[in-house]
Structures are given as C-alpha cells and as structure tokens.
Amino acid sequence: MSRWVIIGGAGLTGINLANKLIKQLNINPSNIILADLEQRLQNIKLPVKLSSCDISKNIFPEFRKNDIVIHLAARQYHSSVPWKNRLDWFKEVNVTGTKNLLNTIINIDLKGLIYFSTDMVYGYPQTLPIKIDHHRKPLGPYGKSKLEAENILISAQEKGLPITILRPRLIMGPGRLGVMEKLFSSLSLNRPIPMIGKGDNYYQMVSVDDCSDAIILSVQNNFPTQILNLGSNPELKVKDLLKNLIKEVNSNSSLIPLPAKLSKFALNFLDLLGLTILYPEQFYIADKNYIVDISYTKSLIGWNPKYSDLEMMISAYRNWNAK
C-alpha cells in the first residue's frame, strides 16, 4: 500500500484531503503522513502520522519507494508578510523549499508528486477564460515565487518525473480566512462593504473540497505530467455574489462601489507605507474578469467542481461566525 505524504499538511487543504482519504477512500490512517512545521502540527486531531518538516531548512520525513507526495507547503498572503524584501521571503519556502524537496526525492522511486501552484502566475488576463498556455507574468512577489517553483518542476517533468501541477483560483471553504476575514467581520457588524469598481466582473474561486478531489483524481490518473487549472463554474458577478451573501447570512451591510483607479492608487500608497489593507496582487485584479479555463482539467482527469462561489462563501462565513 502506498503512503500519502502531505507536505504542508496542517493547512486547510491538507486536513481536508486527509479526511477524505480516510472517510471516502478508506486509506489506513497509518499510511497518511501530515508533514509540517512543529507548531502547526500541535492541534491536529486526525488519527494519522505526524512528521515535523521545514522545507526551507531541508527537513523532511523519510520518503519511501511508491510514496505519493502532495506538495502544499507555501508562504502565502494569509501569512504574516514582511513589509520589505517580500520576494526573498516568499522564495525562501516557495522556491528554495521546492528545490530541497525535489533534490530529496529525485532518486526515490515515488509513485508521483502533486504540486499546488497558483493562478497568480498568470498576471493580468489577456484572454478569457485563461488557458494553461496563457502567458505567465505575475504581478507581485508571491506569483513570481510560484512561477519560479513551477519552472523547476516543469524541468523535472521534462526529465520524466511523474509530476502534476495544479493551479487553483482563490481557495475557499470552512476555515479559510485571509482577505475574507475583513469581509466577514464587516458582514457580522452590518458595516458597508466597499468594492473596487462597480462589481460588474466575475471573480472565480474554488472550494477546498474540490481541490482535494482534483488531487485524488490526479493520483488515480497516474500523475499526468500536465498543468491543470482549478476553479468554479462562475455564475454571479461580484456585486450579485456579495448581495446574495449579505442576504443569506442575514446581514444589513450595503455595497459601496469605489472608483477603481483611485482605490488602487490609495491601496498601493498604503502598501508602500507598510499600512497594507490588500496586497497589489489582490487589488490589481479586483475589478477584472478573472476566470481560468477548467475544460482541460475536466476532460483529462474527470474533475468537475461541485460548489458554487456563493456556496463556498456562505460555508466559510458560517464557520467563521460560529467561532
């Protein structure tokens, strides 16, 4: 029986995946290893094996032949991002850590590797929906670090290593906060909700549960050496999505559209001063139609998202509000 070694496994996606492996695939918990920073493992209550891991320092669990490795570890914007030297900070884990992992497993006959990248490698959308061959020109340090990590793994793919690269949109679900915490707090306090622009655009997300399904299907399809987009089937414009969310959670908040150019100038100025409200990679595309093409993912591994953007946000809000 192959072991599932989930690097960065103490996060939202890792926990969801481990639960699904146990409950839906009947994987023996002793064959599931959640590897993460020691302090992140302390609250894990699943009956799986835990392993202290720090990819930036080349500290990994012991890998074995036929292991299935899921690489979820990354520094992201919901972490405590420094004001200066952001690219170096992101690269320390996202690039150096990925190099360390690849060097550690290169001579082990693994079943394969699944790597979670990001849609932020694309930058401004030039065509819609965004296909996997769309140019890659990230808008900020996080996307740049993930692009560099992707290139390392693409080179390994070309050498015959079984690696699947997944590019999810904004991952949502119970427990996911980050930029959403400000929105949820405003909703609970019935405060106005500012929008960058008029909200006439579509802003796609993807549920954590659908992400886990994509991982499992990639493994079951023998780790296709491909890059696959993950996203919802978008149905509502941003303003309609937020209006429905306000209604569903019984909030009295109202939407306040703000001039896009002026808002971005102000947010960028505040970020330069170290008074960050949103990061440039977040607000630059906030008023843009941003939809990744998931048709290839559907056809190649039989994946189809189950949850709408509205369902994801309602679930995430109710989980946050219950705490």
C-alpha atoms as a PDB file:
ATOM      1  CA  MET A   1       0.000   0.000   0.000  1.00  0.00           C
ATOM      2  CA  SER A   2       1.385   3.389  -0.995  1.00  0.00           C
ATOM      3  CA  ARG A   3       1.735   6.058   1.656  1.00  0.00           C
ATOM      4  CA  TRP A   4       0.335   9.561   1.164  1.00  0.00           C
ATOM      5  CA  VAL A   5       2.930  12.092   2.337  1.00  0.00           C
ATOM      6  CA  ILE A   6       1.328  15.544   2.504  1.00  0.00           C
ATOM      7  CA  ILE A   7       3.940  18.293   2.756  1.00  0.00           C
ATOM      8  CA  GLY A   8       2.355  21.379   4.327  1.00  0.00           C
ATOM      9  CA  GLY A   9      -0.369  19.041   5.513  1.00  0.00           C
ATOM     10  CA  ALA A  10      -1.529  21.027   8.556  1.00  0.00           C
ATOM     11  CA  GLY A  11      -3.261  23.629   6.408  1.00  0.00           C
ATOM     12  CA  LEU A  12      -6.845  23.749   5.175  1.00  0.00           C
ATOM     13  CA  THR A  13      -6.292  21.650   2.046  1.00  0.00           C
ATOM     14  CA  GLY A  14      -4.091  19.088   3.774  1.00  0.00           C
ATOM     15  CA  ILE A  15      -6.620  18.450   6.546  1.00  0.00           C
ATOM     16  CA  ASN A  16      -9.487  18.233   4.066  1.00  0.00           C
ATOM     17  CA  LEU A  17      -7.534  15.807   1.893  1.00  0.00           C
ATOM     18  CA  ALA A  18      -6.551  13.591   4.828  1.00  0.00           C
ATOM     19  CA  ASN A  19     -10.172  13.400   6.000  1.00  0.00           C
ATOM     20  CA  LYS A  20     -11.311  12.475   2.512  1.00  0.00           C
ATOM     21  CA  LEU A  21      -8.651   9.784   2.152  1.00  0.00           C
ATOM     22  CA  ILE A  22      -9.780   8.174   5.413  1.00  0.00           C
ATOM     23  CA  LYS A  23     -13.557   8.518   5.074  1.00  0.00           C
ATOM     24  CA  GLN A  24     -14.089   8.139   1.315  1.00  0.00           C
ATOM     25  CA  LEU A  25     -11.158   6.071   0.073  1.00  0.00           C
ATOM     26  CA  ASN A  26     -10.737   4.010   3.245  1.00  0.00           C
ATOM     27  CA  ILE A  27      -6.998   4.670   3.318  1.00  0.00           C
ATOM     28  CA  ASN A  28      -5.454   3.334   6.525  1.00  0.00           C
ATOM     29  CA  PRO A  29      -4.564   6.419   8.633  1.00  0.00           C
ATOM     30  CA  SER A  30      -1.144   4.865   9.291  1.00  0.00           C
ATOM     31  CA  ASN A  31      -0.427   5.351   5.576  1.00  0.00           C
ATOM     32  CA  ILE A  32      -1.143   9.100   5.728  1.00  0.00           C
ATOM     33  CA  ILE A  33       1.668  11.383   6.875  1.00  0.00           C
ATOM     34  CA  LEU A  34       0.978  15.048   7.558  1.00  0.00           C
ATOM     35  CA  ALA A  35       4.325  16.849   7.425  1.00  0.00           C
ATOM     36  CA  ASP A  36       4.514  20.471   8.538  1.00  0.00           C
ATOM     37  CA  LEU A  37       6.167  22.883  10.962  1.00  0.00           C
ATOM     38  CA  GLU A  38       6.146  21.528  14.513  1.00  0.00           C
ATOM     39  CA  GLN A  39       3.918  24.307  15.874  1.00  0.00           C
ATOM     40  CA  ARG A  40       1.357  23.788  13.103  1.00  0.00           C
ATOM     41  CA  LEU A  41       1.033  20.087  13.929  1.00  0.00           C
ATOM     42  CA  GLN A  42       0.152  20.578  17.588  1.00  0.00           C
ATOM     43  CA  ASN A  43      -3.598  20.948  17.070  1.00  0.00           C
ATOM     44  CA  ILE A  44      -4.043  18.103  14.581  1.00  0.00           C
ATOM     45  CA  LYS A  45      -6.577  15.605  15.927  1.00  0.00           C
ATOM     46  CA  LEU A  46      -6.698  13.192  12.995  1.00  0.00           C
ATOM     47  CA  PRO A  47      -5.505   9.615  13.606  1.00  0.00           C
ATOM     48  CA  VAL A  48      -2.690   9.996  11.058  1.00  0.00           C
ATOM     49  CA  LYS A  49       1.066  10.061  11.384  1.00  0.00           C
ATOM     50  CA  LEU A  50       2.588  13.486  12.011  1.00  0.00           C
ATOM     51  CA  SER A  51       6.064  14.474  10.941  1.00  0.00           C
ATOM     52  CA  SER A  52       7.963  17.678  11.709  1.00  0.00           C
ATOM     53  CA  CYS A  53       9.027  19.260   8.441  1.00  0.00           C
ATOM     54  CA  ASP A  54      10.585  22.550   7.320  1.00  0.00           C
ATOM     55  CA  ILE A  55      11.193  22.557   3.587  1.00  0.00           C
ATOM     56  CA  SER A  56      13.182  25.803   3.703  1.00  0.00           C
ATOM     57  CA  LYS A  57      15.708  24.091   6.019  1.00  0.00           C
ATOM     58  CA  ASN A  58      15.708  20.789   4.122  1.00  0.00           C
ATOM     59  CA  ILE A  59      13.943  18.921   6.952  1.00  0.00           C
ATOM     60  CA  PHE A  60      11.640  16.225   5.560  1.00  0.00           C
ATOM     61  CA  PRO A  61      10.053  12.965   6.639  1.00  0.00           C
ATOM     62  CA  GLU A  62      11.754   9.834   5.379  1.00  0.00           C
ATOM     63  CA  PHE A  63      10.437   9.067   1.906  1.00  0.00           C
ATOM     64  CA  ARG A  64       9.974   5.537   0.612  1.00  0.00           C
ATOM     65  CA  LYS A  65       9.548   3.841  -2.718  1.00  0.00           C
ATOM     66  CA  ASN A  66       5.978   4.179  -4.089  1.00  0.00           C
ATOM     67  CA  ASP A  67       5.127   7.136  -1.832  1.00  0.00           C
ATOM     68  CA  ILE A  68       2.519   9.569  -3.117  1.00  0.00           C
ATOM     69  CA  VAL A  69       3.801  13.065  -2.326  1.00  0.00           C
ATOM     70  CA  ILE A  70       1.477  16.082  -2.199  1.00  0.00           C
ATOM     71  CA  HIS A  71       3.374  19.392  -2.056  1.00  0.00           C
ATOM     72  CA  LEU A  72       1.089  22.005  -0.460  1.00  0.00           C
ATOM     73  CA  ALA A  73       3.712  23.900   1.558  1.00  0.00           C
ATOM     74  CA  ALA A  74       3.961  27.585   0.679  1.00  0.00           C
ATOM     75  CA  ARG A  75       4.205  31.051   2.072  1.00  0.00           C
ATOM     76  CA  GLN A  76       1.059  32.913   1.076  1.00  0.00           C
ATOM     77  CA  TYR A  77      -0.664  36.220   1.736  1.00  0.00           C
ATOM     78  CA  HIS A  78      -2.602  34.924   4.722  1.00  0.00           C
ATOM     79  CA  SER A  79       0.768  34.549   6.472  1.00  0.00           C
ATOM     80  CA  SER A  80       2.450  37.477   8.230  1.00  0.00           C
ATOM     81  CA  VAL A  81       4.081  39.039   5.173  1.00  0.00           C
ATOM     82  CA  PRO A  82       7.025  41.393   5.827  1.00  0.00           C
ATOM     83  CA  TRP A  83       6.979  44.955   4.558  1.00  0.00           C
ATOM     84  CA  LYS A  84      10.400  44.737   2.889  1.00  0.00           C
ATOM     85  CA  ASN A  85      12.187  42.057   0.861  1.00  0.00           C
ATOM     86  CA  ARG A  86       8.931  40.245   0.157  1.00  0.00           C
ATOM     87  CA  LEU A  87      10.210  38.327  -2.849  1.00  0.00           C
ATOM     88  CA  ASP A  88      13.127  36.875  -0.877  1.00  0.00           C
ATOM     89  CA  TRP A  89      10.733  35.975   1.941  1.00  0.00           C
ATOM     90  CA  PHE A  90       8.364  34.115  -0.393  1.00  0.00           C
ATOM     91  CA  LYS A  91      11.224  32.424  -2.255  1.00  0.00           C
ATOM     92  CA  GLU A  92      12.756  31.050   0.946  1.00  0.00           C
ATOM     93  CA  VAL A  93       9.935  28.499   1.138  1.00  0.00           C
ATOM     94  CA  ASN A  94       8.263  28.532  -2.270  1.00  0.00           C
ATOM     95  CA  VAL A  95      11.442  28.235  -4.339  1.00  0.00           C
ATOM     96  CA  THR A  96      14.245  27.015  -2.068  1.00  0.00           C
ATOM     97  CA  GLY A  97      11.882  24.623  -0.301  1.00  0.00           C
ATOM     98  CA  THR A  98      10.691  23.184  -3.608  1.00  0.00           C
ATOM     99  CA  LYS A  99      14.312  22.704  -4.749  1.00  0.00           C
ATOM    100  CA  ASN A 100      15.083  20.963  -1.454  1.00  0.00           C
ATOM    101  CA  LEU A 101      12.104  18.641  -1.835  1.00  0.00           C
ATOM    102  CA  LEU A 102      12.965  17.771  -5.424  1.00  0.00           C
ATOM    103  CA  ASN A 103      16.594  17.062  -4.535  1.00  0.00           C
ATOM    104  CA  THR A 104      15.441  14.827  -1.657  1.00  0.00           C
ATOM    105  CA  ILE A 105      13.053  12.698  -3.729  1.00  0.00           C
ATOM    106  CA  ILE A 106      14.929  12.705  -7.052  1.00  0.00           C
ATOM    107  CA  ASN A 107      16.449   9.240  -6.577  1.00  0.00           C
ATOM    108  CA  ILE A 108      13.462   7.686  -4.809  1.00  0.00           C
ATOM    109  CA  ASP A 109      11.098   5.715  -6.998  1.00  0.00           C
ATOM    110  CA  LEU A 110       7.974   7.602  -5.963  1.00  0.00           C
ATOM    111  CA  LYS A 111       4.576   6.931  -7.453  1.00  0.00           C
ATOM    112  CA  GLY A 112       4.428  10.635  -8.199  1.00  0.00           C
ATOM    113  CA  LEU A 113       4.225  14.229  -6.990  1.00  0.00           C
ATOM    114  CA  ILE A 114       1.286  16.649  -6.975  1.00  0.00           C
ATOM    115  CA  TYR A 115       2.268  20.326  -6.684  1.00  0.00           C
ATOM    116  CA  PHE A 116      -0.109  23.133  -5.753  1.00  0.00           C
ATOM    117  CA  SER A 117       0.804  26.302  -7.610  1.00  0.00           C
ATOM    118  CA  THR A 118      -1.487  29.320  -8.104  1.00  0.00           C
ATOM    119  CA  ASP A 119      -3.396  31.229 -10.757  1.00  0.00           C
ATOM    120  CA  MET A 120      -1.327  34.267  -9.724  1.00  0.00           C
ATOM    121  CA  VAL A 121       1.403  33.113 -12.108  1.00  0.00           C
ATOM    122  CA  TYR A 122      -0.739  34.445 -14.977  1.00  0.00           C
ATOM    123  CA  GLY A 123      -0.939  38.147 -14.065  1.00  0.00           C
ATOM    124  CA  TYR A 124      -3.420  40.316 -15.959  1.00  0.00           C
ATOM    125  CA  PRO A 125      -5.737  38.171 -18.097  1.00  0.00           C
ATOM    126  CA  GLN A 126      -5.170  38.786 -21.806  1.00  0.00           C
ATOM    127  CA  THR A 127      -7.813  36.295 -22.945  1.00  0.00           C
ATOM    128  CA  LEU A 128     -10.799  34.713 -21.205  1.00  0.00           C
ATOM    129  CA  PRO A 129     -11.124  32.136 -19.937  1.00  0.00           C
ATOM    130  CA  ILE A 130      -7.448  31.850 -19.012  1.00  0.00           C
ATOM    131  CA  LYS A 131      -5.986  28.688 -20.525  1.00  0.00           C
ATOM    132  CA  ILE A 132      -2.922  26.930 -19.160  1.00  0.00           C
ATOM    133  CA  ASP A 133      -0.790  28.239 -22.051  1.00  0.00           C
ATOM    134  CA  HIS A 134      -1.687  31.870 -21.255  1.00  0.00           C
ATOM    135  CA  HIS A 135       1.434  33.963 -20.741  1.00  0.00           C
ATOM    136  CA  ARG A 136       2.848  33.903 -17.232  1.00  0.00           C
ATOM    137  CA  LYS A 137       3.648  37.390 -15.971  1.00  0.00           C
ATOM    138  CA  PRO A 138       2.923  37.626 -12.225  1.00  0.00           C
ATOM    139  CA  LEU A 139       2.000  40.973 -10.687  1.00  0.00           C
ATOM    140  CA  GLY A 140       3.828  40.520  -7.391  1.00  0.00           C
ATOM    141  CA  PRO A 141       6.307  38.524  -5.318  1.00  0.00           C
ATOM    142  CA  TYR A 142       4.048  35.617  -4.403  1.00  0.00           C
ATOM    143  CA  GLY A 143       3.192  34.864  -8.026  1.00  0.00           C
ATOM    144  CA  LYS A 144       6.822  35.320  -9.047  1.00  0.00           C
ATOM    145  CA  SER A 145       8.000  32.835  -6.420  1.00  0.00           C
ATOM    146  CA  LYS A 146       5.419  30.257  -7.505  1.00  0.00           C
ATOM    147  CA  LEU A 147       6.358  30.786 -11.163  1.00  0.00           C
ATOM    148  CA  GLU A 148       9.995  30.052 -10.343  1.00  0.00           C
ATOM    149  CA  ALA A 149       8.978  26.926  -8.436  1.00  0.00           C
ATOM    150  CA  GLU A 150       6.806  25.846 -11.377  1.00  0.00           C
ATOM    151  CA  ASN A 151       9.736  26.191 -13.769  1.00  0.00           C
ATOM    152  CA  ILE A 152      11.868  23.956 -11.551  1.00  0.00           C
ATOM    153  CA  LEU A 153       9.185  21.279 -11.578  1.00  0.00           C
ATOM    154  CA  ILE A 154       8.469  21.637 -15.300  1.00  0.00           C
ATOM    155  CA  SER A 155      12.141  20.883 -15.943  1.00  0.00           C
ATOM    156  CA  ALA A 156      11.774  17.785 -13.776  1.00  0.00           C
ATOM    157  CA  GLN A 157       8.631  16.798 -15.697  1.00  0.00           C
ATOM    158  CA  GLU A 158      10.588  17.005 -18.935  1.00  0.00           C
ATOM    159  CA  LYS A 159      13.128  14.577 -17.474  1.00  0.00           C
ATOM    160  CA  GLY A 160      10.391  12.031 -16.938  1.00  0.00           C
ATOM    161  CA  LEU A 161       9.395  12.568 -13.313  1.00  0.00           C
ATOM    162  CA  PRO A 162       5.644  11.992 -12.720  1.00  0.00           C
ATOM    163  CA  ILE A 163       4.605  15.466 -11.547  1.00  0.00           C
ATOM    164  CA  THR A 164       1.191  17.097 -11.868  1.00  0.00           C
ATOM    165  CA  ILE A 165       0.980  20.865 -11.329  1.00  0.00           C
ATOM    166  CA  LEU A 166      -2.376  22.262 -10.186  1.00  0.00           C
ATOM    167  CA  ARG A 167      -3.179  25.988 -10.456  1.00  0.00           C
ATOM    168  CA  PRO A 168      -6.145  26.792  -8.196  1.00  0.00           C
ATOM    169  CA  ARG A 169      -8.020  30.063  -8.047  1.00  0.00           C
ATOM    170  CA  LEU A 170      -8.681  31.566  -4.608  1.00  0.00           C
ATOM    171  CA  ILE A 171      -9.323  28.558  -2.349  1.00  0.00           C
ATOM    172  CA  MET A 172     -12.427  28.893  -0.179  1.00  0.00           C
ATOM    173  CA  GLY A 173     -14.113  26.793   2.454  1.00  0.00           C
ATOM    174  CA  PRO A 174     -14.663  26.418   6.189  1.00  0.00           C
ATOM    175  CA  GLY A 175     -11.551  27.662   7.957  1.00  0.00           C
ATOM    176  CA  ARG A 176     -10.255  29.793   5.102  1.00  0.00           C
ATOM    177  CA  LEU A 177      -9.810  33.403   6.147  1.00  0.00           C
ATOM    178  CA  GLY A 178      -7.025  35.657   4.864  1.00  0.00           C
ATOM    179  CA  VAL A 179      -8.555  38.515   2.871  1.00  0.00           C
ATOM    180  CA  MET A 180     -12.057  37.181   3.646  1.00  0.00           C
ATOM    181  CA  GLU A 181     -11.769  37.906   7.366  1.00  0.00           C
ATOM    182  CA  LYS A 182     -12.227  41.656   6.764  1.00  0.00           C
ATOM    183  CA  LEU A 183     -15.314  40.960   4.670  1.00  0.00           C
ATOM    184  CA  PHE A 184     -16.813  38.558   7.217  1.00  0.00           C
ATOM    185  CA  SER A 185     -16.172  40.963  10.077  1.00  0.00           C
ATOM    186  CA  SER A 186     -17.970  43.751   8.200  1.00  0.00           C
ATOM    187  CA  LEU A 187     -20.902  41.459   7.443  1.00  0.00           C
ATOM    188  CA  SER A 188     -21.279  40.422  11.077  1.00  0.00           C
ATOM    189  CA  LEU A 189     -21.203  44.064  12.212  1.00  0.00           C
ATOM    190  CA  ASN A 190     -23.558  45.230   9.432  1.00  0.00           C
ATOM    191  CA  ARG A 191     -20.931  47.615   8.107  1.00  0.00           C
ATOM    192  CA  PRO A 192     -20.784  48.859   4.499  1.00  0.00           C
ATOM    193  CA  ILE A 193     -18.826  46.631   2.107  1.00  0.00           C
ATOM    194  CA  PRO A 194     -16.513  48.608  -0.206  1.00  0.00           C
ATOM    195  CA  MET A 195     -15.952  47.272  -3.716  1.00  0.00           C
ATOM    196  CA  ILE A 196     -13.109  48.193  -6.045  1.00  0.00           C
ATOM    197  CA  GLY A 197     -15.090  49.227  -9.098  1.00  0.00           C
ATOM    198  CA  LYS A 198     -18.766  48.575  -9.789  1.00  0.00           C
ATOM    199  CA  GLY A 199     -18.674  44.822  -9.208  1.00  0.00           C
ATOM    200  CA  ASP A 200     -19.697  44.024 -12.773  1.00  0.00           C
ATOM    201  CA  ASN A 201     -16.900  41.495 -13.161  1.00  0.00           C
ATOM    202  CA  TYR A 202     -16.646  37.794 -12.408  1.00  0.00           C
ATOM    203  CA  TYR A 203     -14.113  36.693  -9.787  1.00  0.00           C
ATOM    204  CA  GLN A 204     -13.800  32.916  -9.684  1.00  0.00           C
ATOM    205  CA  MET A 205     -12.899  30.806  -6.646  1.00  0.00           C
ATOM    206  CA  VAL A 206     -12.517  27.097  -5.921  1.00  0.00           C
ATOM    207  CA  SER A 207     -13.593  25.110  -2.884  1.00  0.00           C
ATOM    208  CA  VAL A 208     -11.091  23.286  -0.713  1.00  0.00           C
ATOM    209  CA  ASP A 209     -13.169  20.129  -1.128  1.00  0.00           C
ATOM    210  CA  ASP A 210     -12.937  20.364  -4.907  1.00  0.00           C
ATOM    211  CA  CYS A 211      -9.171  20.863  -4.568  1.00  0.00           C
ATOM    212  CA  SER A 212      -8.913  17.591  -2.660  1.00  0.00           C
ATOM    213  CA  ASP A 213     -10.928  15.844  -5.363  1.00  0.00           C
ATOM    214  CA  ALA A 214      -8.518  17.182  -8.000  1.00  0.00           C
ATOM    215  CA  ILE A 215      -5.552  15.781  -6.067  1.00  0.00           C
ATOM    216  CA  ILE A 216      -7.148  12.357  -5.716  1.00  0.00           C
ATOM    217  CA  LEU A 217      -8.200  12.230  -9.375  1.00  0.00           C
ATOM    218  CA  SER A 218      -4.691  13.257 -10.482  1.00  0.00           C
ATOM    219  CA  VAL A 219      -3.262  10.367  -8.473  1.00  0.00           C
ATOM    220  CA  GLN A 220      -5.876   7.940  -9.808  1.00  0.00           C
ATOM    221  CA  ASN A 221      -4.992   9.079 -13.343  1.00  0.00           C
ATOM    222  CA  ASN A 222      -1.312   8.210 -12.760  1.00  0.00           C
ATOM    223  CA  PHE A 223       0.050  11.711 -12.226  1.00  0.00           C
ATOM    224  CA  PRO A 224      -0.362  13.220 -15.698  1.00  0.00           C
ATOM    225  CA  THR A 225       2.685  15.392 -16.445  1.00  0.00           C
ATOM    226  CA  GLN A 226       0.465  18.375 -17.109  1.00  0.00           C
ATOM    227  CA  ILE A 227      -0.562  21.736 -15.663  1.00  0.00           C
ATOM    228  CA  LEU A 228      -4.233  21.911 -14.699  1.00  0.00           C
ATOM    229  CA  ASN A 229      -6.410  24.887 -13.733  1.00  0.00           C
ATOM    230  CA  LEU A 230      -8.837  24.589 -10.822  1.00  0.00           C
ATOM    231  CA  GLY A 231     -11.829  26.899 -10.427  1.00  0.00           C
ATOM    232  CA  SER A 232     -15.574  27.041 -10.016  1.00  0.00           C
ATOM    233  CA  ASN A 233     -18.199  27.369 -12.702  1.00  0.00           C
ATOM    234  CA  PRO A 234     -18.767  31.125 -12.128  1.00  0.00           C
ATOM    235  CA  GLU A 235     -22.411  32.174 -12.192  1.00  0.00           C
ATOM    236  CA  LEU A 236     -22.631  35.557 -10.450  1.00  0.00           C
ATOM    237  CA  LYS A 237     -20.915  38.896 -10.909  1.00  0.00           C
ATOM    238  CA  VAL A 238     -19.091  40.209  -7.856  1.00  0.00           C
ATOM    239  CA  LYS A 239     -21.876  42.629  -6.892  1.00  0.00           C
ATOM    240  CA  ASP A 240     -24.539  39.923  -7.209  1.00  0.00           C
ATOM    241  CA  LEU A 241     -22.387  37.427  -5.333  1.00  0.00           C
ATOM    242  CA  LEU A 242     -21.995  39.865  -2.432  1.00  0.00           C
ATOM    243  CA  LYS A 243     -25.674  40.861  -2.472  1.00  0.00           C
ATOM    244  CA  ASN A 244     -26.684  37.213  -2.214  1.00  0.00           C
ATOM    245  CA  LEU A 245     -24.138  36.593   0.526  1.00  0.00           C
ATOM    246  CA  ILE A 246     -25.459  39.556   2.546  1.00  0.00           C
ATOM    247  CA  LYS A 247     -28.983  38.186   2.206  1.00  0.00           C
ATOM    248  CA  GLU A 248     -28.075  34.577   3.054  1.00  0.00           C
ATOM    249  CA  VAL A 249     -26.215  35.490   6.263  1.00  0.00           C
ATOM    250  CA  ASN A 250     -28.924  37.962   7.372  1.00  0.00           C
ATOM    251  CA  SER A 251     -26.611  40.959   7.374  1.00  0.00           C
ATOM    252  CA  ASN A 252     -27.713  44.569   6.937  1.00  0.00           C
ATOM    253  CA  SER A 253     -24.498  45.542   5.170  1.00  0.00           C
ATOM    254  CA  SER A 254     -24.676  47.511   1.939  1.00  0.00           C
ATOM    255  CA  LEU A 255     -22.312  47.615  -1.038  1.00  0.00           C
ATOM    256  CA  ILE A 256     -20.271  50.761  -1.686  1.00  0.00           C
ATOM    257  CA  PRO A 257     -18.695  50.823  -5.177  1.00  0.00           C
ATOM    258  CA  LEU A 258     -15.475  52.848  -5.266  1.00  0.00           C
ATOM    259  CA  PRO A 259     -13.643  54.274  -8.311  1.00  0.00           C
ATOM    260  CA  ALA A 260     -11.228  51.532  -9.354  1.00  0.00           C
ATOM    261  CA  LYS A 261      -8.243  53.693 -10.343  1.00  0.00           C
ATOM    262  CA  LEU A 262      -8.432  55.888  -7.256  1.00  0.00           C
ATOM    263  CA  SER A 263      -8.911  52.861  -4.975  1.00  0.00           C
ATOM    264  CA  LYS A 264      -5.904  51.072  -6.411  1.00  0.00           C
ATOM    265  CA  PHE A 265      -3.749  54.197  -6.128  1.00  0.00           C
ATOM    266  CA  ALA A 266      -4.717  54.600  -2.470  1.00  0.00           C
ATOM    267  CA  LEU A 267      -4.208  50.909  -1.653  1.00  0.00           C
ATOM    268  CA  ASN A 268      -0.817  50.906  -3.370  1.00  0.00           C
ATOM    269  CA  PHE A 269       0.236  54.047  -1.476  1.00  0.00           C
ATOM    270  CA  LEU A 270      -0.787  52.499   1.846  1.00  0.00           C
ATOM    271  CA  ASP A 271       1.088  49.306   0.973  1.00  0.00           C
ATOM    272  CA  LEU A 272       4.238  51.322   0.235  1.00  0.00           C
ATOM    273  CA  LEU A 273       3.921  52.893   3.682  1.00  0.00           C
ATOM    274  CA  GLY A 274       3.589  49.484   5.318  1.00  0.00           C
ATOM    275  CA  LEU A 275      -0.097  50.078   6.112  1.00  0.00           C
ATOM    276  CA  THR A 276      -1.298  47.245   3.907  1.00  0.00           C
ATOM    277  CA  ILE A 277      -5.033  46.627   3.588  1.00  0.00           C
ATOM    278  CA  LEU A 278      -4.773  44.485   0.459  1.00  0.00           C
ATOM    279  CA  TYR A 279      -1.650  43.378  -1.404  1.00  0.00           C
ATOM    280  CA  PRO A 280      -1.092  44.554  -5.004  1.00  0.00           C
ATOM    281  CA  GLU A 281      -1.589  41.036  -6.380  1.00  0.00           C
ATOM    282  CA  GLN A 282      -5.015  41.100  -4.751  1.00  0.00           C
ATOM    283  CA  PHE A 283      -6.304  44.568  -5.612  1.00  0.00           C
ATOM    284  CA  TYR A 284      -4.853  44.967  -9.124  1.00  0.00           C
ATOM    285  CA  ILE A 285      -7.273  42.346 -10.494  1.00  0.00           C
ATOM    286  CA  ALA A 286     -10.181  43.002  -8.106  1.00  0.00           C
ATOM    287  CA  ASP A 287     -12.266  44.731 -10.794  1.00  0.00           C
ATOM    288  CA  LYS A 288     -11.178  42.462 -13.660  1.00  0.00           C
ATOM    289  CA  ASN A 289     -12.973  39.497 -15.139  1.00  0.00           C
ATOM    290  CA  TYR A 290     -10.733  36.677 -13.973  1.00  0.00           C
ATOM    291  CA  ILE A 291     -11.797  33.168 -14.945  1.00  0.00           C
ATOM    292  CA  VAL A 292      -9.476  30.240 -15.540  1.00  0.00           C
ATOM    293  CA  ASP A 293     -10.399  27.626 -18.120  1.00  0.00           C
ATOM    294  CA  ILE A 294     -11.100  24.301 -16.412  1.00  0.00           C
ATOM    295  CA  SER A 295     -12.248  22.383 -19.505  1.00  0.00           C
ATOM    296  CA  TYR A 296      -8.905  20.588 -19.909  1.00  0.00           C
ATOM    297  CA  THR A 297      -8.940  19.544 -16.246  1.00  0.00           C
ATOM    298  CA  LYS A 298     -12.434  18.150 -16.704  1.00  0.00           C
ATOM    299  CA  SER A 299     -11.530  16.155 -19.804  1.00  0.00           C
ATOM    300  CA  LEU A 300      -8.140  14.872 -18.627  1.00  0.00           C
ATOM    301  CA  ILE A 301      -8.884  13.644 -15.090  1.00  0.00           C
ATOM    302  CA  GLY A 302     -12.708  13.708 -14.974  1.00  0.00           C
ATOM    303  CA  TRP A 303     -12.832  16.532 -12.418  1.00  0.00           C
ATOM    304  CA  ASN A 304     -15.819  18.835 -12.083  1.00  0.00           C
ATOM    305  CA  PRO A 305     -16.287  21.428  -9.312  1.00  0.00           C
ATOM    306  CA  LYS A 306     -19.243  20.685  -7.049  1.00  0.00           C
ATOM    307  CA  TYR A 307     -19.548  24.025  -5.262  1.00  0.00           C
ATOM    308  CA  SER A 308     -20.520  27.473  -6.473  1.00  0.00           C
ATOM    309  CA  ASP A 309     -18.752  30.633  -5.328  1.00  0.00           C
ATOM    310  CA  LEU A 310     -21.799  31.596  -3.265  1.00  0.00           C
ATOM    311  CA  GLU A 311     -21.963  28.204  -1.523  1.00  0.00           C
ATOM    312  CA  MET A 312     -18.261  28.422  -0.669  1.00  0.00           C
ATOM    313  CA  MET A 313     -18.559  31.906   0.820  1.00  0.00           C
ATOM    314  CA  ILE A 314     -21.672  31.070   2.852  1.00  0.00           C
ATOM    315  CA  SER A 315     -19.985  27.975   4.262  1.00  0.00           C
ATOM    316  CA  ALA A 316     -16.791  29.885   5.099  1.00  0.00           C
ATOM    317  CA  TYR A 317     -18.723  32.710   6.737  1.00  0.00           C
ATOM    318  CA  ARG A 318     -20.877  30.425   8.890  1.00  0.00           C
ATOM    319  CA  ASN A 319     -17.812  28.528  10.039  1.00  0.00           C
ATOM    320  CA  TRP A 320     -16.073  31.805  10.928  1.00  0.00           C
ATOM    321  CA  ASN A 321     -19.154  33.221  12.652  1.00  0.00           C
ATOM    322  CA  ALA A 322     -19.646  30.095  14.774  1.00  0.00           C
ATOM    323  CA  LYS A 323     -16.259  30.534  16.465  1.00  0.00           C
END
